Every structure is written in structure tokens, then in C-alpha cells.
């Protein structure tokens, strides 16, 4: 039955008309999904929101809300519980007609959505082709497929304002399953505030199939539990399902600070995994990216994974909690612009099959100790684009034994002759390197030798 405007003390009138479904069972014993859906479908003009009083409500089938419709529970997530036992999606928020860019989602506020009794691949909340979603004081627990799922259909879903708690959602070992998933097209210009508690090895926030978060504010808090052995979970993962895709989070404001918990000796999540082979895929912005070891057992993350060296840069503060510093493996390093980069580094990274890697995409200064004998340097993160690079390379001779020599990549030297480096154990040489995109070449100068 319709009610008058519902007045919220913080927000004033929060909807055109509130509708209280008939034949509800607030004890959670009898199914309430049909009663709620009947009231949704009967809204005059398809506009309004459902209001549920405090209580427990059983949903054996999913609810579908169209544009300009919502679900508001004034008692809040601590007193209004929805228990979903179906196998599909518990709450779908979707455009009922043709996408025009002018269709908007309604308000969803004040409820706890429980999926522990649902099917193994069930989804908590799915949002599709509607802009301006407003979500506040919403808790999504225990969905094996996805907690909150932004899905591209025929349009986009930009300008969202979402504050939600997503706990124990997703299935371990599944590249498309996690707490929050953005799937295809644009989800730009939104404010996303997620508190995520991830079970051992499951993903936090996933971007896939060319999903876009441009000009967004991304705030994440929570805890990511470790595993006793291999942990394939990521706090933030881009294109884990398909390396040929080009999802991105760019021009973003980051406020990400999560913890890793578990028992001593367990393996934490990878903090950020960039899996795409496309240079259009990237993660750039400003703010904080922090993955802190937690508790007396000190569980560390696996750091950053950027095996294909797509653009990755953050101005601000980064802490990935690694027990040992980069390079470690391809892309397992920190890159920061406009700030300070601090990491432990003992030697250059030797690759199987020979060669020594220098990862310029992670900073403009690199240093390392040469091995005895010849060292073939391989420069990464320098090709393509109209970007001038000015880098410094510090090379230390081995602490003992035979001197280290260098086979350089394609570098132009004064007079066409590579420099002669120090040969005394422990001495350091400094080389200045400039990359010019107009000639697609490096230009090198030996600045100093025999630092001791």
C-alpha cells in the first residue's frame, strides 16, 4: 500500500512514494519475494520505492527493480535482513527499456542481504545500464558468485554513489568471481566506498571485459585472509579472465588501505594484478595504495603483478607489505610518480636463460650489483609513445671475484664507443641515459666512475 513521502532525518524526503508490500512475513519463515515483487510491479508509472520495516525476510527468488525504483529500510542494515535462497541474482537493478543515457537508478538503503543459503554461483546485487545509483548502509554477505556485480548490457552505469560492506563473497580459483566486479563498458565518475572482507584466496575488486573506471573515487577498507599455500587472490585485479582485454582505472582518486590476516607462514593476496597485454589497460591516479601486514603473525602480500608492463602509476603513498623488495619477478615492484620511492634492492634481476632486467617503468633511478663476468642488460618499460625519459643507472662491481662487464642494449654513446667501467670489487659507476621518442633511441653518458 502506498504511503506519503518518507522523511529521513538526514536526507529529508528520499523518494516520491514509499510502498509497503502486503502479506510480508517479518520472521523469515514464509517467502516474501513474491509479495515484494508484486508491489514493485504495481507502482504507478513504475516510480517509487519499497519500504520494509525491521525484520527478517525470506527471498526464495530474486527481486527486479527498474529505473526510478528503490528499496529503503529505515531500520538499517542492523535490523532488516533479507535471506536469499535462490540460485541466480538476489536483487537486480536494471534498465527496463532502451538505453538512452537519461535513465537513472533509484535509492537502495539500510538492509543486510544474506547469500549463505543461496546457490554456489549466486549474485547479491546486479546493476545494469542505469546511471546515478545511490546505495548506503548496505551489507552483502556470503554470495559464492559475486557480491556486487556491475554488468554492461546495452549502455553504461556511470555517476554512482555507493557505500557497501561486502563480506565472504566469491569463489577461490575463479577469475571472474569476487566481492565487487565491474564487467564491460563505462562505470566512470562514481564514488565507490567498499569495506571488503575476503575469504582465503578470493578476489576483492575485479575489472574485466574492457570495464572502465575513469575519474572515479575508489575507497576500500577491510581484510583479506591468507592461505597455507598458493594464493591466487587479488585485492584489485584487472582482466584476470582475458589478457587481451583492456580494462582500466585511470585519473582516479585512491584511498585504499586494507589488511592481510592469517596464520604464520601463510601466503597473502597479490595487492594489484594487471593481467592485460594491451597498453590501453592501466591503473593511474593519486592517493594511497596500502596493503598492511596485520597481527602478530605478520602475513605479507605478494606485492604488485604487472607481467606485461602496462601503464601503472600513482602519485602519493604506496605500501605493499612485501617481506622482500622488488624486482622479485616481472612487474613485482613499486612505481610512483611525484613522490618518494623506497624499496630494498640488492642485485639486478637475473632472468632464466641469461640477461639482466632493468625495469624503468618503476622509476627513473635504478641500481644494482653486477655478477661476475658478463651481464647482458635488458631495458623494460621504454618503448613506444611520445615520452622523453631521463634515467640514471648505478652499477656496482661484485663484492669479490672476477669483475663484472656489461653488454648494453641499443644505446648511442659519444663517439660510438660504450664506456669502460670500473673493475675493482665494490666500486660503483654512474651512467646517465636519455630516451628520445623522435629517434626511438637511448643516448648514454658515463657521468662518474670508481666511486668507492
Protein backbone atom coordinates (compact mmCIF):
# COMPACT_ATOMS: atom_id res chain seq x y z
CA UNK A 1 0.00 0.00 0.00
CA UNK A 2 1.36 3.46 -0.80
CA UNK A 3 2.47 5.81 1.93
CA UNK A 4 3.20 9.50 1.97
CA UNK A 5 6.66 10.84 1.35
CA UNK A 6 9.03 9.06 3.67
CA UNK A 7 11.11 11.56 5.66
CA UNK A 8 14.66 10.63 6.56
CA UNK A 9 16.12 12.88 9.31
CA UNK A 10 19.43 13.12 7.46
CA UNK A 11 18.30 13.36 3.87
CA UNK A 12 14.77 14.74 4.02
CA UNK A 13 12.24 13.28 1.62
CA UNK A 14 14.09 10.44 -0.10
CA UNK A 15 11.61 9.30 -2.68
CA UNK A 16 8.40 10.18 -4.45
CA UNK A 17 6.22 7.48 -2.88
CA UNK A 18 7.00 4.63 -0.49
CA UNK A 19 5.18 1.32 -0.88
CA UNK A 20 4.76 -1.22 1.92
CA UNK A 21 4.17 -4.70 0.45
CA UNK A 22 1.26 -6.75 1.78
CA UNK A 23 1.49 -10.27 3.18
CA UNK A 24 5.04 -9.94 4.44
CA UNK A 25 6.44 -12.37 6.99
CA UNK A 26 8.95 -10.47 9.17
CA UNK A 27 10.05 -13.69 10.88
CA UNK A 28 11.76 -15.08 7.76
CA UNK A 29 9.70 -18.28 7.80
CA UNK A 30 7.45 -17.69 4.79
CA UNK A 31 8.72 -16.49 1.42
CA UNK A 32 8.29 -12.72 0.91
CA UNK A 33 9.81 -12.39 -2.57
CA UNK A 34 6.51 -12.64 -4.46
CA UNK A 35 4.77 -10.08 -2.21
CA UNK A 36 7.60 -7.59 -2.70
CA UNK A 37 7.83 -8.11 -6.47
CA UNK A 38 4.06 -7.66 -6.90
CA UNK A 39 4.31 -4.28 -5.16
CA UNK A 40 7.29 -3.27 -7.32
CA UNK A 41 5.40 -4.13 -10.50
CA UNK A 42 2.30 -2.25 -9.35
CA UNK A 43 4.00 1.10 -8.74
CA UNK A 44 2.05 3.78 -10.66
CA UNK A 45 4.20 4.97 -13.54
CA UNK A 46 6.85 2.50 -12.42
CA UNK A 47 8.23 5.06 -9.97
CA UNK A 48 8.71 4.70 -6.21
CA UNK A 49 10.48 2.63 -3.63
CA UNK A 50 9.73 -0.32 -1.43
CA UNK A 51 9.92 0.30 2.31
CA UNK A 52 10.47 -2.68 4.61
CA UNK A 53 10.16 -2.40 8.39
CA UNK A 54 12.75 -4.08 10.64
CA UNK A 55 12.59 -7.86 10.50
CA UNK A 56 13.82 -10.94 8.64
CA UNK A 57 12.50 -11.65 5.15
CA UNK A 58 12.96 -14.87 3.20
CA UNK A 59 13.57 -14.49 -0.55
CA UNK A 60 13.35 -17.75 -2.47
CA UNK A 61 13.53 -15.90 -5.80
CA UNK A 62 15.22 -12.70 -6.91
CA UNK A 63 13.78 -9.17 -6.96
CA UNK A 64 13.98 -6.92 -10.04
CA UNK A 65 13.95 -3.13 -9.77
CA UNK A 66 13.83 -0.91 -12.85
CA UNK A 67 14.84 2.73 -13.29
CA UNK A 68 13.47 5.20 -10.70
CA UNK A 69 12.76 2.37 -8.25
CA UNK A 70 14.47 1.52 -4.99
CA UNK A 71 14.48 -0.32 -1.67
CA UNK A 72 14.71 1.68 1.55
CA UNK A 73 14.67 0.10 5.01
CA UNK A 74 14.56 2.77 7.73
CA UNK A 75 15.70 0.34 10.41
CA UNK A 76 19.10 -0.03 8.71
CA UNK A 77 21.32 -3.00 7.94
CA UNK A 78 21.50 -3.95 11.60
CA UNK A 79 17.76 -4.66 11.83
CA UNK A 80 16.44 -5.51 8.34
CA UNK A 81 17.63 -8.87 6.95
CA UNK A 82 16.96 -10.38 3.54
CA UNK A 83 17.79 -14.10 3.32
CA UNK A 84 18.17 -15.25 -0.29
CA UNK A 85 17.99 -18.98 -1.07
CA UNK A 86 17.77 -18.91 -4.88
CA UNK A 87 20.47 -19.77 -7.39
CA UNK A 88 20.52 -16.62 -9.54
CA UNK A 89 20.68 -12.93 -8.60
CA UNK A 90 19.05 -11.75 -5.37
CA UNK A 91 18.50 -8.09 -6.38
CA UNK A 92 18.66 -6.87 -9.98
CA UNK A 93 18.68 -3.13 -10.72
CA UNK A 94 18.32 -2.74 -14.48
CA UNK A 95 17.01 -0.56 -17.28
CA UNK A 96 13.66 -1.94 -18.41
CA UNK A 97 13.69 -0.23 -21.80
CA UNK A 98 16.12 1.02 -24.42
CA UNK A 99 19.21 2.73 -23.04
CA UNK A 100 19.27 6.47 -23.71
CA UNK A 101 21.79 7.82 -21.20
CA UNK A 102 18.96 9.53 -19.37
CA UNK A 103 17.73 6.61 -17.27
CA UNK A 104 18.69 6.54 -13.61
CA UNK A 105 18.65 4.06 -10.79
CA UNK A 106 16.89 4.75 -7.51
CA UNK A 107 17.98 4.58 -3.86
CA UNK A 108 18.92 1.37 -2.03
CA UNK A 109 19.49 1.79 1.65
CA UNK A 110 19.54 0.11 5.05
CA UNK A 111 19.47 -3.68 4.60
CA UNK A 112 21.57 -6.80 5.12
CA UNK A 113 21.48 -9.25 2.19
CA UNK A 114 22.44 -12.81 3.17
CA UNK A 115 23.51 -15.33 0.50
CA UNK A 116 24.91 -18.13 2.65
CA UNK A 117 21.87 -20.25 1.84
CA UNK A 118 21.93 -19.45 -1.90
CA UNK A 119 23.36 -21.43 -4.81
CA UNK A 120 27.11 -21.60 -5.18
CA UNK A 121 27.29 -19.10 -8.05
CA UNK A 122 24.55 -16.75 -6.84
CA UNK A 123 24.98 -12.96 -7.12
CA UNK A 124 23.99 -10.48 -4.42
CA UNK A 125 23.21 -7.22 -6.27
CA UNK A 126 23.47 -6.72 -10.04
CA UNK A 127 23.43 -3.23 -11.59
CA UNK A 128 22.98 -2.82 -15.34
CA UNK A 129 22.65 0.16 -17.71
CA UNK A 130 21.45 2.69 -15.13
CA UNK A 131 23.26 5.82 -14.04
CA UNK A 132 23.28 7.55 -10.69
CA UNK A 133 22.78 4.55 -8.40
CA UNK A 134 22.65 5.60 -4.75
CA UNK A 135 23.48 2.91 -2.20
CA UNK A 136 24.11 3.42 1.51
CA UNK A 137 24.27 1.22 4.62
CA UNK A 138 24.01 -1.97 2.57
CA UNK A 139 25.69 -5.21 3.63
CA UNK A 140 26.13 -8.16 1.23
CA UNK A 141 27.33 -11.43 2.76
CA UNK A 142 28.12 -14.94 1.61
CA UNK A 143 27.44 -14.98 -2.17
CA UNK A 144 29.55 -17.56 -4.00
CA UNK A 145 29.41 -15.82 -7.38
CA UNK A 146 29.70 -12.07 -6.88
CA UNK A 147 28.72 -9.71 -4.12
CA UNK A 148 28.01 -6.56 -6.16
CA UNK A 149 28.07 -7.00 -9.93
CA UNK A 150 28.15 -4.05 -12.34
CA UNK A 151 27.28 -5.54 -15.72
CA UNK A 152 27.28 -3.96 -19.17
CA UNK A 153 24.24 -4.72 -21.29
CA UNK A 154 23.39 -2.06 -23.90
CA UNK A 155 24.64 1.08 -22.17
CA UNK A 156 26.69 2.27 -19.21
CA UNK A 157 26.26 2.85 -15.48
CA UNK A 158 28.17 5.99 -14.51
CA UNK A 159 27.86 8.53 -11.66
CA UNK A 160 27.20 6.01 -8.90
CA UNK A 161 27.44 6.82 -5.20
CA UNK A 162 27.88 3.52 -3.38
CA UNK A 163 28.74 2.71 0.22
CA UNK A 164 28.54 -1.01 0.95
CA UNK A 165 30.02 -3.77 3.08
CA UNK A 166 30.80 -6.93 1.08
CA UNK A 167 31.90 -9.96 3.10
CA UNK A 168 32.92 -13.50 2.10
CA UNK A 169 31.73 -13.25 -1.49
CA UNK A 170 33.33 -15.06 -4.41
CA UNK A 171 34.84 -18.47 -5.01
CA UNK A 172 38.52 -19.31 -4.81
CA UNK A 173 40.28 -20.02 -8.09
CA UNK A 174 37.66 -18.33 -10.30
CA UNK A 175 38.95 -15.40 -12.37
CA UNK A 176 35.52 -13.78 -12.73
CA UNK A 177 34.26 -14.19 -9.17
CA UNK A 178 34.81 -11.77 -6.31
CA UNK A 179 33.38 -9.27 -3.86
CA UNK A 180 32.84 -6.45 -6.40
CA UNK A 181 33.02 -6.99 -10.18
CA UNK A 182 32.86 -4.37 -12.95
CA UNK A 183 32.16 -6.09 -16.26
CA UNK A 184 32.41 -4.20 -19.56
CA UNK A 185 31.86 -0.57 -20.65
CA UNK A 186 31.91 2.64 -18.60
CA UNK A 187 31.35 2.98 -14.86
CA UNK A 188 33.09 6.36 -14.74
CA UNK A 189 32.73 9.37 -12.46
CA UNK A 190 31.43 7.47 -9.45
CA UNK A 191 32.19 7.42 -5.75
CA UNK A 192 32.79 3.85 -4.61
CA UNK A 193 33.27 3.11 -0.92
CA UNK A 194 33.66 -0.60 -0.17
CA UNK A 195 34.51 -2.44 3.02
CA UNK A 196 35.55 -5.90 1.86
CA UNK A 197 36.36 -8.98 3.89
CA UNK A 198 37.67 -11.64 1.54
CA UNK A 199 37.88 -15.32 2.35
CA UNK A 200 41.20 -17.05 1.79
CA UNK A 201 42.33 -16.51 -1.79
CA UNK A 202 39.17 -14.90 -3.22
CA UNK A 203 39.27 -11.61 -5.12
CA UNK A 204 38.28 -8.17 -3.89
CA UNK A 205 37.57 -5.77 -6.78
CA UNK A 206 37.73 -7.08 -10.36
CA UNK A 207 37.64 -5.20 -13.69
CA UNK A 208 37.00 -7.30 -16.79
CA UNK A 209 35.93 -7.25 -20.44
CA UNK A 210 37.05 -3.68 -21.06
CA UNK A 211 35.46 -2.17 -17.94
CA UNK A 212 36.32 1.48 -17.29
CA UNK A 213 36.64 3.48 -14.08
CA UNK A 214 37.77 6.95 -15.13
CA UNK A 215 37.60 9.98 -12.89
CA UNK A 216 36.32 7.86 -10.02
CA UNK A 217 36.99 7.88 -6.31
CA UNK A 218 37.80 4.39 -5.06
CA UNK A 219 37.88 3.80 -1.31
CA UNK A 220 38.49 0.31 0.06
CA UNK A 221 38.86 -0.95 3.61
CA UNK A 222 38.76 -4.45 5.04
CA UNK A 223 40.68 -7.65 5.48
CA UNK A 224 41.98 -10.25 3.02
CA UNK A 225 42.72 -13.65 4.54
CA UNK A 226 45.79 -15.65 3.57
CA UNK A 227 46.12 -19.30 2.56
CA UNK A 228 48.51 -22.00 3.66
CA UNK A 229 49.87 -22.47 0.13
CA UNK A 230 49.45 -20.83 -3.27
CA UNK A 231 47.14 -17.82 -3.13
CA UNK A 232 45.75 -16.63 -6.47
CA UNK A 233 43.53 -13.95 -4.93
CA UNK A 234 43.98 -10.24 -5.75
CA UNK A 235 42.82 -7.21 -3.80
CA UNK A 236 42.41 -5.38 -7.14
CA UNK A 237 42.58 -7.35 -10.38
CA UNK A 238 42.29 -6.18 -14.00
CA UNK A 239 41.47 -8.61 -16.82
CA UNK A 240 42.25 -11.78 -14.92
CA UNK A 241 39.82 -13.61 -17.21
CA UNK A 242 41.31 -12.46 -20.52
CA UNK A 243 44.72 -10.88 -21.12
CA UNK A 244 43.61 -9.44 -24.48
CA UNK A 245 41.06 -7.15 -22.79
CA UNK A 246 41.80 -3.54 -21.81
CA UNK A 247 40.05 -2.64 -18.58
CA UNK A 248 41.39 0.34 -16.66
CA UNK A 249 41.16 2.53 -13.59
CA UNK A 250 42.57 5.92 -14.54
CA UNK A 251 42.58 9.55 -13.38
CA UNK A 252 41.32 8.09 -10.12
CA UNK A 253 41.44 9.21 -6.50
CA UNK A 254 42.64 6.21 -4.48
CA UNK A 255 42.07 5.70 -0.77
CA UNK A 256 42.86 2.00 -0.43
CA UNK A 257 44.17 0.65 2.86
CA UNK A 258 43.43 -3.00 3.64
CA UNK A 259 44.94 -5.63 5.88
CA UNK A 260 46.19 -9.17 5.39
CA UNK A 261 45.42 -11.70 8.11
CA UNK A 262 46.09 -15.36 8.73
CA UNK A 263 48.48 -17.70 10.48
CA UNK A 264 52.27 -17.62 10.43
CA UNK A 265 53.74 -18.93 7.18
CA UNK A 266 50.60 -18.44 5.10
CA UNK A 267 50.53 -16.61 1.75
CA UNK A 268 48.71 -13.32 1.31
CA UNK A 269 46.87 -11.90 -1.70
CA UNK A 270 48.53 -10.10 -4.59
CA UNK A 271 47.81 -6.44 -3.98
CA UNK A 272 47.24 -5.33 -7.59
CA UNK A 273 47.27 -7.70 -10.58
CA UNK A 274 47.42 -6.16 -14.06
CA UNK A 275 46.98 -9.03 -16.48
CA UNK A 276 46.23 -7.33 -19.80
CA UNK A 277 48.68 -7.34 -22.71
CA UNK A 278 47.12 -4.11 -24.04
CA UNK A 279 48.84 -0.79 -23.32
CA UNK A 280 45.34 0.75 -23.16
CA UNK A 281 44.82 -1.09 -19.89
CA UNK A 282 46.21 0.83 -16.93
CA UNK A 283 45.92 1.85 -13.31
CA UNK A 284 46.80 5.50 -12.72
CA UNK A 285 45.76 8.19 -10.27
CA UNK A 286 46.64 9.80 -6.97
CA UNK A 287 46.24 8.92 -3.32
CA UNK A 288 47.01 5.91 -1.13
CA UNK A 289 47.52 2.25 -2.04
CA UNK A 290 48.40 0.37 1.12
CA UNK A 291 48.35 -3.31 1.99
CA UNK A 292 49.43 -3.66 5.62
CA UNK A 293 50.59 -6.84 7.34
CA UNK A 294 48.32 -7.48 10.31
CA UNK A 295 48.65 -9.06 13.72
CA UNK A 296 51.40 -10.97 15.47
CA UNK A 297 51.79 -13.47 12.60
CA UNK A 298 52.63 -10.74 10.03
CA UNK A 299 51.16 -12.04 6.79
CA UNK A 300 52.63 -10.27 3.77
CA UNK A 301 51.05 -9.58 0.41
CA UNK A 302 52.58 -10.86 -2.81
CA UNK A 303 53.06 -7.28 -3.97
CA UNK A 304 52.17 -5.94 -7.40
CA UNK A 305 51.95 -8.10 -10.51
CA UNK A 306 52.36 -6.35 -13.86
CA UNK A 307 53.88 -9.02 -16.06
CA UNK A 308 53.09 -7.23 -19.35
CA UNK A 309 54.24 -3.79 -18.18
CA UNK A 310 51.04 -1.87 -18.88
CA UNK A 311 50.96 1.75 -17.58
CA UNK A 312 50.88 1.80 -13.79
CA UNK A 313 51.48 4.96 -11.79
CA UNK A 314 50.24 6.51 -8.57
CA UNK A 315 51.12 9.87 -7.07
CA UNK A 316 51.01 9.58 -3.31
CA UNK A 317 51.76 6.82 -0.85
CA UNK A 318 52.30 3.15 -1.68
CA UNK A 319 52.99 0.29 0.69
CA UNK A 320 52.65 -3.28 -0.48
CA UNK A 321 53.92 -5.03 2.64
CA UNK A 322 56.38 -7.30 0.86
CA UNK A 323 58.73 -9.24 3.10
CA UNK A 324 61.41 -8.73 0.45
CA UNK A 325 61.67 -5.96 -2.09
CA UNK A 326 61.45 -5.84 -5.87
CA UNK A 327 62.23 -6.78 -8.53
CA UNK A 328 61.50 -10.38 -7.48
CA UNK A 329 59.65 -11.12 -10.71
CA UNK A 330 58.39 -9.24 -13.76
CA UNK A 331 56.34 -6.30 -12.56
CA UNK A 332 56.70 -7.18 -8.88
CA UNK A 333 57.83 -3.72 -7.86
CA UNK A 334 56.58 -0.32 -6.83
CA UNK A 335 56.19 2.56 -9.25
CA UNK A 336 55.38 6.03 -8.07
CA UNK A 337 55.39 9.45 -9.70
CA UNK A 338 55.54 12.78 -7.96
CA UNK A 339 56.58 11.22 -4.67
CA UNK A 340 59.22 9.16 -2.92
CA UNK A 341 60.04 5.59 -3.83
CA UNK A 342 61.69 3.43 -1.20
CA UNK A 343 62.44 -0.26 -1.60
CA UNK A 344 65.23 -2.71 -0.76
CA UNK A 345 67.32 -3.72 -3.77
CA UNK A 346 70.47 -5.84 -3.64
CA UNK A 347 71.13 -7.01 -7.19
CA UNK A 348 69.74 -6.54 -10.64
CA UNK A 349 67.19 -9.16 -11.63
CA UNK A 350 68.73 -12.08 -13.49
CA UNK A 351 66.39 -13.80 -15.91
CA UNK A 352 66.30 -17.52 -16.69
CA UNK A 353 68.20 -18.06 -19.89
CA UNK A 354 70.52 -15.11 -19.32
CA UNK A 355 70.23 -11.37 -19.24
CA UNK A 356 69.73 -8.78 -16.51
CA UNK A 357 66.45 -6.85 -16.31
CA UNK A 358 66.19 -3.12 -15.64
CA UNK A 359 62.58 -2.03 -15.03
CA UNK A 360 62.40 1.65 -15.98
CA UNK A 361 58.61 1.71 -15.68
CA UNK A 362 59.04 1.56 -11.91
CA UNK A 363 61.14 4.71 -11.57
CA UNK A 364 63.85 6.84 -13.16
CA UNK A 365 66.69 5.60 -10.95
CA UNK A 366 67.92 2.01 -10.94
CA UNK A 367 70.83 0.43 -9.17
CA UNK A 368 72.27 -2.99 -8.68
CA UNK A 369 75.35 -5.11 -8.22
CA UNK A 370 76.78 -6.84 -11.27
CA UNK A 371 77.53 -10.51 -11.25
CA UNK A 372 80.98 -11.91 -12.02
CA UNK A 373 81.65 -11.97 -15.75
CA UNK A 374 79.34 -10.63 -18.44
CA UNK A 375 75.94 -9.10 -17.67
CA UNK A 376 73.58 -8.53 -20.63
CA UNK A 377 71.25 -5.68 -19.71
CA UNK A 378 67.62 -5.69 -20.90
CA UNK A 379 65.66 -2.44 -20.59
CA UNK A 380 61.91 -2.67 -19.92
CA UNK A 381 59.16 -0.06 -19.99
CA UNK A 382 60.74 2.28 -22.52
CA UNK A 383 59.28 1.64 -25.95
CA UNK A 384 56.52 3.49 -27.74
CA UNK A 385 54.78 6.77 -27.08
CA UNK A 386 55.90 10.39 -27.30
CA UNK A 387 57.63 10.38 -23.95
CA UNK A 388 61.16 11.57 -23.18
CA UNK A 389 62.80 9.57 -20.39
CA UNK A 390 65.76 10.73 -18.31
CA UNK A 391 67.18 7.92 -16.17
CA UNK A 392 70.21 7.20 -14.01
CA UNK A 393 71.78 3.77 -13.65
CA UNK A 394 74.23 2.95 -10.84
CA UNK A 395 76.23 -0.25 -11.34
CA UNK A 396 78.34 -1.76 -8.55
CA UNK A 397 81.12 -4.24 -9.14
CA UNK A 398 80.86 -7.64 -7.41
CA UNK A 399 81.97 -7.69 -3.78
CA UNK A 400 84.58 -10.33 -4.61
CA UNK A 401 85.86 -12.42 -7.50
CA UNK A 402 86.07 -11.52 -11.16
CA UNK A 403 84.94 -8.11 -12.39
CA UNK A 404 81.52 -7.62 -13.91
CA UNK A 405 81.26 -6.45 -17.51
CA UNK A 406 78.19 -5.21 -19.40
CA UNK A 407 76.65 -5.94 -22.76
CA UNK A 408 74.41 -2.95 -23.38
CA UNK A 409 71.09 -2.87 -25.23
CA UNK A 410 70.83 -0.45 -28.16
CA UNK A 411 72.37 2.74 -26.70
CA UNK A 412 74.11 5.54 -28.62
CA UNK A 413 77.38 6.60 -26.92
CA UNK A 414 79.68 9.59 -27.57
CA UNK A 415 81.97 8.58 -30.41
CA UNK A 416 80.02 5.36 -30.80
CA UNK A 417 82.03 3.57 -28.10
CA UNK A 418 80.49 2.10 -24.93
CA UNK A 419 82.16 3.26 -21.69
CA UNK A 420 84.79 1.32 -19.80
CA UNK A 421 83.52 0.55 -16.33
CA UNK A 422 85.40 0.08 -13.09
CA UNK A 423 86.91 -3.33 -12.49
CA UNK A 424 87.69 -3.09 -8.77
CA UNK A 425 85.48 -5.06 -6.39
CA UNK A 426 82.82 -2.89 -4.76
CA UNK A 427 83.40 0.20 -6.94
CA UNK A 428 80.36 1.95 -8.43
CA UNK A 429 79.84 3.70 -11.79
CA UNK A 430 77.08 6.17 -12.71
CA UNK A 431 75.56 6.26 -16.20
CA UNK A 432 73.17 8.93 -17.50
CA UNK A 433 70.56 7.69 -20.01
CA UNK A 434 68.06 9.71 -22.06
CA UNK A 435 65.40 8.20 -24.32
CA UNK A 436 64.21 10.37 -27.24
CA UNK A 437 60.98 9.21 -28.93
CA UNK A 438 61.71 11.12 -32.17
CA UNK A 439 64.68 8.84 -32.83
CA UNK A 440 63.38 5.91 -30.75
CA UNK A 441 66.84 5.59 -29.24
CA UNK A 442 68.69 5.79 -25.93
CA UNK A 443 71.63 8.19 -25.52
CA UNK A 444 74.13 7.33 -22.82
CA UNK A 445 76.90 9.21 -21.00
CA UNK A 446 79.24 7.90 -18.33
CA UNK A 447 78.92 10.51 -15.56
CA UNK A 448 81.31 9.11 -12.98
CA UNK A 449 83.47 6.08 -12.23
CA UNK A 450 85.35 4.48 -9.37
CA UNK A 451 83.01 5.59 -6.58
CA UNK A 452 84.28 3.68 -3.57
